[in-house]
Amino acid sequence: MTTFHFHLRAGDELSLDHEGADFADYAAALREVKLAAREVLAAAIQGGRAPPTEFVIADPSGKELGTFSLSSLLPTPVAGIRG
């Protein structure tokens, strides 16, 4: 098991996940980030707040391993359809 940290980026600010969580590999950590991102986005929408921009996945030394953009969870507009 490897410890992964899921930091939250909102603009220029980075909220650090000091605790982290153990996962078998990066793919497992990424699956968890996608679930967490849905929860964070839903809470922001329900609370009328701007959501964070992305999750930053880091190893215990602080090295950034990847990111997951919360905007990737939102639907894309379909051309020609107006609301």
PDB file of N, CA and C in Angstrom:
ATOM      1  N   MET A   1       0.848  -1.189   0.000  1.00  0.00           N
ATOM      2  CA  MET A   1       0.000   0.000   0.000  1.00  0.00           C
ATOM      3  C   MET A   1       0.888   1.245   0.000  1.00  0.00           C
ATOM      4  N   THR A   2       0.398   2.243  -0.691  1.00  0.00           N
ATOM      5  CA  THR A   2       1.108   3.518  -0.780  1.00  0.00           C
ATOM      6  C   THR A   2       0.176   4.616  -0.288  1.00  0.00           C
ATOM      7  N   THR A   3       0.739   5.586   0.416  1.00  0.00           N
ATOM      8  CA  THR A   3      -0.038   6.723   0.884  1.00  0.00           C
ATOM      9  C   THR A   3      -0.080   7.789  -0.206  1.00  0.00           C
ATOM     10  N   PHE A   4      -1.299   8.250  -0.490  1.00  0.00           N
ATOM     11  CA  PHE A   4      -1.510   9.327  -1.452  1.00  0.00           C
ATOM     12  C   PHE A   4      -2.217  10.464  -0.729  1.00  0.00           C
ATOM     13  N   HIS A   5      -1.850  11.692  -1.087  1.00  0.00           N
ATOM     14  CA  HIS A   5      -2.464  12.884  -0.509  1.00  0.00           C
ATOM     15  C   HIS A   5      -3.278  13.568  -1.590  1.00  0.00           C
ATOM     16  N   PHE A   6      -4.496  13.982  -1.226  1.00  0.00           N
ATOM     17  CA  PHE A   6      -5.406  14.633  -2.161  1.00  0.00           C
ATOM     18  C   PHE A   6      -5.551  16.104  -1.760  1.00  0.00           C
ATOM     19  N   HIS A   7      -4.697  16.945  -2.308  1.00  0.00           N
ATOM     20  CA  HIS A   7      -4.764  18.381  -2.031  1.00  0.00           C
ATOM     21  C   HIS A   7      -5.843  18.996  -2.927  1.00  0.00           C
ATOM     22  N   LEU A   8      -6.421  20.103  -2.470  1.00  0.00           N
ATOM     23  CA  LEU A   8      -7.427  20.811  -3.256  1.00  0.00           C
ATOM     24  C   LEU A   8      -6.875  22.160  -3.698  1.00  0.00           C
ATOM     25  N   ARG A   9      -6.967  22.424  -4.989  1.00  0.00           N
ATOM     26  CA  ARG A   9      -6.518  23.705  -5.531  1.00  0.00           C
ATOM     27  C   ARG A   9      -7.742  24.533  -5.901  1.00  0.00           C
ATOM     28  N   ALA A  10      -7.725  25.788  -5.448  1.00  0.00           N
ATOM     29  CA  ALA A  10      -8.750  26.768  -5.806  1.00  0.00           C
ATOM     30  C   ALA A  10      -8.014  28.036  -6.210  1.00  0.00           C
ATOM     31  N   GLY A  11      -7.908  28.255  -7.504  1.00  0.00           N
ATOM     32  CA  GLY A  11      -7.134  29.402  -7.983  1.00  0.00           C
ATOM     33  C   GLY A  11      -5.674  29.216  -7.632  1.00  0.00           C
ATOM     34  N   ASP A  12      -5.112  30.193  -6.910  1.00  0.00           N
ATOM     35  CA  ASP A  12      -3.707  30.132  -6.512  1.00  0.00           C
ATOM     36  C   ASP A  12      -3.498  29.463  -5.158  1.00  0.00           C
ATOM     37  N   GLU A  13      -4.593  29.094  -4.494  1.00  0.00           N
ATOM     38  CA  GLU A  13      -4.492  28.496  -3.163  1.00  0.00           C
ATOM     39  C   GLU A  13      -4.512  26.975  -3.238  1.00  0.00           C
ATOM     40  N   LEU A  14      -3.697  26.360  -2.406  1.00  0.00           N
ATOM     41  CA  LEU A  14      -3.642  24.904  -2.322  1.00  0.00           C
ATOM     42  C   LEU A  14      -3.889  24.495  -0.879  1.00  0.00           C
ATOM     43  N   SER A  15      -4.997  23.769  -0.651  1.00  0.00           N
ATOM     44  CA  SER A  15      -5.316  23.253   0.687  1.00  0.00           C
ATOM     45  C   SER A  15      -4.720  21.860   0.789  1.00  0.00           C
ATOM     46  N   LEU A  16      -3.804  21.698   1.721  1.00  0.00           N
ATOM     47  CA  LEU A  16      -3.066  20.446   1.836  1.00  0.00           C
ATOM     48  C   LEU A  16      -3.820  19.385   2.618  1.00  0.00           C
ATOM     49  N   ASP A  17      -3.735  18.177   2.132  1.00  0.00           N
ATOM     50  CA  ASP A  17      -4.239  16.990   2.820  1.00  0.00           C
ATOM     51  C   ASP A  17      -3.050  16.419   3.584  1.00  0.00           C
ATOM     52  N   HIS A  18      -2.967  16.720   4.873  1.00  0.00           N
ATOM     53  CA  HIS A  18      -1.818  16.289   5.672  1.00  0.00           C
ATOM     54  C   HIS A  18      -1.897  14.815   6.063  1.00  0.00           C
ATOM     55  N   GLU A  19      -3.096  14.272   6.097  1.00  0.00           N
ATOM     56  CA  GLU A  19      -3.290  12.892   6.550  1.00  0.00           C
ATOM     57  C   GLU A  19      -3.002  11.867   5.453  1.00  0.00           C
ATOM     58  N   GLY A  20      -3.594  12.051   4.296  1.00  0.00           N
ATOM     59  CA  GLY A  20      -3.427  11.086   3.210  1.00  0.00           C
ATOM     60  C   GLY A  20      -4.245   9.826   3.450  1.00  0.00           C
ATOM     61  N   ALA A  21      -4.202   8.946   2.459  1.00  0.00           N
ATOM     62  CA  ALA A  21      -4.915   7.672   2.556  1.00  0.00           C
ATOM     63  C   ALA A  21      -4.127   6.628   1.776  1.00  0.00           C
ATOM     64  N   ASP A  22      -4.231   5.389   2.204  1.00  0.00           N
ATOM     65  CA  ASP A  22      -3.480   4.298   1.571  1.00  0.00           C
ATOM     66  C   ASP A  22      -4.296   3.629   0.464  1.00  0.00           C
ATOM     67  N   PHE A  23      -3.630   3.424  -0.670  1.00  0.00           N
ATOM     68  CA  PHE A  23      -4.229   2.743  -1.811  1.00  0.00           C
ATOM     69  C   PHE A  23      -3.207   1.806  -2.416  1.00  0.00           C
ATOM     70  N   ALA A  24      -3.695   0.814  -3.126  1.00  0.00           N
ATOM     71  CA  ALA A  24      -2.816  -0.183  -3.736  1.00  0.00           C
ATOM     72  C   ALA A  24      -1.901   0.432  -4.778  1.00  0.00           C
ATOM     73  N   ASP A  25      -2.438   1.410  -5.539  1.00  0.00           N
ATOM     74  CA  ASP A  25      -1.645   2.033  -6.598  1.00  0.00           C
ATOM     75  C   ASP A  25      -2.282   3.354  -7.003  1.00  0.00           C
ATOM     76  N   TYR A  26      -1.647   4.032  -7.970  1.00  0.00           N
ATOM     77  CA  TYR A  26      -2.141   5.331  -8.418  1.00  0.00           C
ATOM     78  C   TYR A  26      -3.547   5.217  -9.009  1.00  0.00           C
ATOM     79  N   ALA A  27      -3.813   4.162  -9.770  1.00  0.00           N
ATOM     80  CA  ALA A  27      -5.127   3.980 -10.385  1.00  0.00           C
ATOM     81  C   ALA A  27      -6.226   3.913  -9.314  1.00  0.00           C
ATOM     82  N   ALA A  28      -5.968   3.246  -8.225  1.00  0.00           N
ATOM     83  CA  ALA A  28      -6.940   3.158  -7.131  1.00  0.00           C
ATOM     84  C   ALA A  28      -7.127   4.528  -6.474  1.00  0.00           C
ATOM     85  N   ALA A  29      -6.047   5.266  -6.309  1.00  0.00           N
ATOM     86  CA  ALA A  29      -6.136   6.607  -5.738  1.00  0.00           C
ATOM     87  C   ALA A  29      -6.940   7.521  -6.661  1.00  0.00           C
ATOM     88  N   LEU A  30      -6.733   7.411  -7.957  1.00  0.00           N
ATOM     89  CA  LEU A  30      -7.457   8.231  -8.920  1.00  0.00           C
ATOM     90  C   LEU A  30      -8.955   7.917  -8.898  1.00  0.00           C
ATOM     91  N   ARG A  31      -9.312   6.661  -8.755  1.00  0.00           N
ATOM     92  CA  ARG A  31     -10.732   6.302  -8.648  1.00  0.00           C
ATOM     93  C   ARG A  31     -11.362   6.977  -7.423  1.00  0.00           C
ATOM     94  N   GLU A  32     -10.637   6.975  -6.316  1.00  0.00           N
ATOM     95  CA  GLU A  32     -11.139   7.607  -5.100  1.00  0.00           C
ATOM     96  C   GLU A  32     -11.256   9.123  -5.272  1.00  0.00           C
ATOM     97  N   VAL A  33     -10.293   9.734  -5.949  1.00  0.00           N
ATOM     98  CA  VAL A  33     -10.340  11.180  -6.193  1.00  0.00           C
ATOM     99  C   VAL A  33     -11.580  11.533  -7.011  1.00  0.00           C
ATOM    100  N   LYS A  34     -11.910  10.720  -7.997  1.00  0.00           N
ATOM    101  CA  LYS A  34     -13.098  10.992  -8.823  1.00  0.00           C
ATOM    102  C   LYS A  34     -14.367  10.963  -7.972  1.00  0.00           C
ATOM    103  N   LEU A  35     -14.461  10.024  -7.046  1.00  0.00           N
ATOM    104  CA  LEU A  35     -15.619   9.967  -6.149  1.00  0.00           C
ATOM    105  C   LEU A  35     -15.652  11.182  -5.213  1.00  0.00           C
ATOM    106  N   ALA A  36     -14.497  11.518  -4.658  1.00  0.00           N
ATOM    107  CA  ALA A  36     -14.410  12.668  -3.752  1.00  0.00           C
ATOM    108  C   ALA A  36     -14.734  13.965  -4.482  1.00  0.00           C
ATOM    109  N   ALA A  37     -14.300  14.064  -5.736  1.00  0.00           N
ATOM    110  CA  ALA A  37     -14.552  15.274  -6.519  1.00  0.00           C
ATOM    111  C   ALA A  37     -16.051  15.479  -6.728  1.00  0.00           C
ATOM    112  N   ARG A  38     -16.779  14.411  -6.952  1.00  0.00           N
ATOM    113  CA  ARG A  38     -18.242  14.519  -7.108  1.00  0.00           C
ATOM    114  C   ARG A  38     -18.874  15.073  -5.830  1.00  0.00           C
ATOM    115  N   GLU A  39     -18.420  14.580  -4.694  1.00  0.00           N
ATOM    116  CA  GLU A  39     -18.957  15.045  -3.417  1.00  0.00           C
ATOM    117  C   GLU A  39     -18.623  16.511  -3.167  1.00  0.00           C
ATOM    118  N   VAL A  40     -17.393  16.892  -3.448  1.00  0.00           N
ATOM    119  CA  VAL A  40     -16.963  18.284  -3.244  1.00  0.00           C
ATOM    120  C   VAL A  40     -17.736  19.216  -4.169  1.00  0.00           C
ATOM    121  N   LEU A  41     -17.896  18.827  -5.427  1.00  0.00           N
ATOM    122  CA  LEU A  41     -18.620  19.646  -6.389  1.00  0.00           C
ATOM    123  C   LEU A  41     -20.091  19.787  -5.983  1.00  0.00           C
ATOM    124  N   ALA A  42     -20.711  18.697  -5.583  1.00  0.00           N
ATOM    125  CA  ALA A  42     -22.117  18.744  -5.155  1.00  0.00           C
ATOM    126  C   ALA A  42     -22.294  19.643  -3.939  1.00  0.00           C
ATOM    127  N   ALA A  43     -21.396  19.542  -2.975  1.00  0.00           N
ATOM    128  CA  ALA A  43     -21.486  20.373  -1.770  1.00  0.00           C
ATOM    129  C   ALA A  43     -21.321  21.854  -2.115  1.00  0.00           C
ATOM    130  N   ALA A  44     -20.421  22.165  -3.031  1.00  0.00           N
ATOM    131  CA  ALA A  44     -20.215  23.559  -3.433  1.00  0.00           C
ATOM    132  C   ALA A  44     -21.464  24.100  -4.127  1.00  0.00           C
ATOM    133  N   ILE A  45     -22.059  23.314  -5.009  1.00  0.00           N
ATOM    134  CA  ILE A  45     -23.257  23.752  -5.732  1.00  0.00           C
ATOM    135  C   ILE A  45     -24.413  23.942  -4.744  1.00  0.00           C
ATOM    136  N   GLN A  46     -24.604  22.982  -3.847  1.00  0.00           N
ATOM    137  CA  GLN A  46     -25.689  23.077  -2.866  1.00  0.00           C
ATOM    138  C   GLN A  46     -25.500  24.266  -1.930  1.00  0.00           C
ATOM    139  N   GLY A  47     -24.247  24.575  -1.618  1.00  0.00           N
ATOM    140  CA  GLY A  47     -23.958  25.683  -0.716  1.00  0.00           C
ATOM    141  C   GLY A  47     -23.825  27.025  -1.404  1.00  0.00           C
ATOM    142  N   GLY A  48     -23.963  27.047  -2.737  1.00  0.00           N
ATOM    143  CA  GLY A  48     -23.850  28.296  -3.469  1.00  0.00           C
ATOM    144  C   GLY A  48     -22.439  28.864  -3.483  1.00  0.00           C
ATOM    145  N   ARG A  49     -21.454  27.987  -3.370  1.00  0.00           N
ATOM    146  CA  ARG A  49     -20.053  28.418  -3.338  1.00  0.00           C
ATOM    147  C   ARG A  49     -19.355  27.986  -4.630  1.00  0.00           C
ATOM    148  N   ALA A  50     -18.300  28.693  -4.950  1.00  0.00           N
ATOM    149  CA  ALA A  50     -17.478  28.276  -6.081  1.00  0.00           C
ATOM    150  C   ALA A  50     -16.694  27.035  -5.663  1.00  0.00           C
ATOM    151  N   PRO A  51     -16.668  26.012  -6.505  1.00  0.00           N
ATOM    152  CA  PRO A  51     -15.932  24.796  -6.142  1.00  0.00           C
ATOM    153  C   PRO A  51     -14.432  24.992  -6.361  1.00  0.00           C
ATOM    154  N   PRO A  52     -13.624  24.144  -5.724  1.00  0.00           N
ATOM    155  CA  PRO A  52     -12.194  24.154  -6.025  1.00  0.00           C
ATOM    156  C   PRO A  52     -11.991  23.826  -7.509  1.00  0.00           C
ATOM    157  N   THR A  53     -10.836  24.158  -8.022  1.00  0.00           N
ATOM    158  CA  THR A  53     -10.519  23.923  -9.423  1.00  0.00           C
ATOM    159  C   THR A  53     -10.188  22.466  -9.680  1.00  0.00           C
ATOM    160  N   GLU A  54      -9.339  21.887  -8.807  1.00  0.00           N
ATOM    161  CA  GLU A  54      -8.883  20.524  -9.050  1.00  0.00           C
ATOM    162  C   GLU A  54      -8.344  19.881  -7.786  1.00  0.00           C
ATOM    163  N   PHE A  55      -8.259  18.567  -7.838  1.00  0.00           N
ATOM    164  CA  PHE A  55      -7.524  17.792  -6.846  1.00  0.00           C
ATOM    165  C   PHE A  55      -6.112  17.600  -7.364  1.00  0.00           C
ATOM    166  N   VAL A  56      -5.159  17.705  -6.477  1.00  0.00           N
ATOM    167  CA  VAL A  56      -3.766  17.405  -6.798  1.00  0.00           C
ATOM    168  C   VAL A  56      -3.415  16.137  -6.024  1.00  0.00           C
ATOM    169  N   ILE A  57      -2.997  15.115  -6.730  1.00  0.00           N
ATOM    170  CA  ILE A  57      -2.618  13.847  -6.102  1.00  0.00           C
ATOM    171  C   ILE A  57      -1.110  13.878  -5.894  1.00  0.00           C
ATOM    172  N   ALA A  58      -0.688  13.667  -4.651  1.00  0.00           N
ATOM    173  CA  ALA A  58       0.736  13.746  -4.321  1.00  0.00           C
ATOM    174  C   ALA A  58       1.163  12.529  -3.513  1.00  0.00           C
ATOM    175  N   ASP A  59       2.456  12.238  -3.581  1.00  0.00           N
ATOM    176  CA  ASP A  59       3.016  11.156  -2.767  1.00  0.00           C
ATOM    177  C   ASP A  59       3.410  11.723  -1.401  1.00  0.00           C
ATOM    178  N   PRO A  60       3.852  10.875  -0.461  1.00  0.00           N
ATOM    179  CA  PRO A  60       4.185  11.355   0.883  1.00  0.00           C
ATOM    180  C   PRO A  60       5.292  12.420   0.920  1.00  0.00           C
ATOM    181  N   SER A  61       6.147  12.460  -0.094  1.00  0.00           N
ATOM    182  CA  SER A  61       7.211  13.471  -0.100  1.00  0.00           C
ATOM    183  C   SER A  61       6.712  14.817  -0.618  1.00  0.00           C
ATOM    184  N   GLY A  62       5.456  14.852  -1.107  1.00  0.00           N
ATOM    185  CA  GLY A  62       4.898  16.085  -1.637  1.00  0.00           C
ATOM    186  C   GLY A  62       4.986  16.200  -3.145  1.00  0.00           C
ATOM    187  N   LYS A  63       5.592  15.201  -3.792  1.00  0.00           N
ATOM    188  CA  LYS A  63       5.721  15.227  -5.244  1.00  0.00           C
ATOM    189  C   LYS A  63       4.346  15.074  -5.889  1.00  0.00           C
ATOM    190  N   GLU A  64       4.022  16.009  -6.800  1.00  0.00           N
ATOM    191  CA  GLU A  64       2.750  15.947  -7.515  1.00  0.00           C
ATOM    192  C   GLU A  64       2.797  14.815  -8.535  1.00  0.00           C
ATOM    193  N   LEU A  65       1.842  13.899  -8.414  1.00  0.00           N
ATOM    194  CA  LEU A  65       1.781  12.749  -9.319  1.00  0.00           C
ATOM    195  C   LEU A  65       0.767  12.951 -10.434  1.00  0.00           C
ATOM    196  N   GLY A  66      -0.223  13.812 -10.189  1.00  0.00           N
ATOM    197  CA  GLY A  66      -1.241  14.070 -11.190  1.00  0.00           C
ATOM    198  C   GLY A  66      -2.308  14.982 -10.628  1.00  0.00           C
ATOM    199  N   THR A  67      -3.227  15.381 -11.499  1.00  0.00           N
ATOM    200  CA  THR A  67      -4.329  16.234 -11.089  1.00  0.00           C
ATOM    201  C   THR A  67      -5.635  15.689 -11.657  1.00  0.00           C
ATOM    202  N   PHE A  68      -6.736  16.112 -11.047  1.00  0.00           N
ATOM    203  CA  PHE A  68      -8.057  15.777 -11.559  1.00  0.00           C
ATOM    204  C   PHE A  68      -8.907  17.033 -11.475  1.00  0.00           C
ATOM    205  N   SER A  69      -9.306  17.548 -12.625  1.00  0.00           N
ATOM    206  CA  SER A  69     -10.089  18.769 -12.716  1.00  0.00           C
ATOM    207  C   SER A  69     -11.558  18.504 -12.397  1.00  0.00           C
ATOM    208  N   LEU A  70     -12.118  19.283 -11.487  1.00  0.00           N
ATOM    209  CA  LEU A  70     -13.529  19.118 -11.157  1.00  0.00           C
ATOM    210  C   LEU A  70     -14.416  19.476 -12.341  1.00  0.00           C
ATOM    211  N   SER A  71     -13.950  20.337 -13.225  1.00  0.00           N
ATOM    212  CA  SER A  71     -14.764  20.706 -14.387  1.00  0.00           C
ATOM    213  C   SER A  71     -14.982  19.517 -15.325  1.00  0.00           C
ATOM    214  N   SER A  72     -14.149  18.489 -15.220  1.00  0.00           N
ATOM    215  CA  SER A  72     -14.336  17.315 -16.077  1.00  0.00           C
ATOM    216  C   SER A  72     -15.601  16.534 -15.713  1.00  0.00           C
ATOM    217  N   LEU A  73     -16.190  16.839 -14.556  1.00  0.00           N
ATOM    218  CA  LEU A  73     -17.420  16.174 -14.136  1.00  0.00           C
ATOM    219  C   LEU A  73     -18.669  16.850 -14.683  1.00  0.00           C
ATOM    220  N   LEU A  74     -18.517  18.066 -15.191  1.00  0.00           N
ATOM    221  CA  LEU A  74     -19.666  18.829 -15.673  1.00  0.00           C
ATOM    222  C   LEU A  74     -19.975  18.479 -17.128  1.00  0.00           C
ATOM    223  N   PRO A  75     -21.249  18.488 -17.476  1.00  0.00           N
ATOM    224  CA  PRO A  75     -21.600  18.184 -18.871  1.00  0.00           C
ATOM    225  C   PRO A  75     -21.141  19.293 -19.801  1.00  0.00           C
ATOM    226  N   THR A  76     -20.852  18.938 -21.028  1.00  0.00           N
ATOM    227  CA  THR A  76     -20.487  19.944 -22.029  1.00  0.00           C
ATOM    228  C   THR A  76     -21.751  20.317 -22.792  1.00  0.00           C
ATOM    229  N   PRO A  77     -21.893  21.582 -23.118  1.00  0.00           N
ATOM    230  CA  PRO A  77     -23.074  22.013 -23.862  1.00  0.00           C
ATOM    231  C   PRO A  77     -23.125  21.342 -25.245  1.00  0.00           C
ATOM    232  N   VAL A  78     -24.320  21.064 -25.695  1.00  0.00           N
ATOM    233  CA  VAL A  78     -24.504  20.479 -27.013  1.00  0.00           C
ATOM    234  C   VAL A  78     -24.745  21.621 -27.996  1.00  0.00           C
ATOM    235  N   ALA A  79     -23.989  21.640 -29.078  1.00  0.00           N
ATOM    236  CA  ALA A  79     -24.106  22.713 -30.078  1.00  0.00           C
ATOM    237  C   ALA A  79     -25.528  22.773 -30.625  1.00  0.00           C
ATOM    238  N   GLY A  80     -26.053  23.985 -30.738  1.00  0.00           N
ATOM    239  CA  GLY A  80     -27.374  24.171 -31.335  1.00  0.00           C
ATOM    240  C   GLY A  80     -28.533  24.103 -30.364  1.00  0.00           C
ATOM    241  N   ILE A  81     -28.283  23.708 -29.122  1.00  0.00           N
ATOM    242  CA  ILE A  81     -29.361  23.624 -28.125  1.00  0.00           C
ATOM    243  C   ILE A  81     -29.200  24.778 -27.143  1.00  0.00           C
ATOM    244  N   ARG A  82     -30.267  25.515 -26.966  1.00  0.00           N
ATOM    245  CA  ARG A  82     -30.243  26.637 -26.030  1.00  0.00           C
ATOM    246  C   ARG A  82     -31.191  26.360 -24.883  1.00  0.00           C
ATOM    247  N   GLY A  83     -30.753  26.791 -23.692  1.00  0.00           N
ATOM    248  CA  GLY A  83     -31.574  26.546 -22.505  1.00  0.00           C
ATOM    249  C   GLY A  83     -32.555  27.614 -22.229  1.00  0.00           C
TER     250      GLY A  83
END
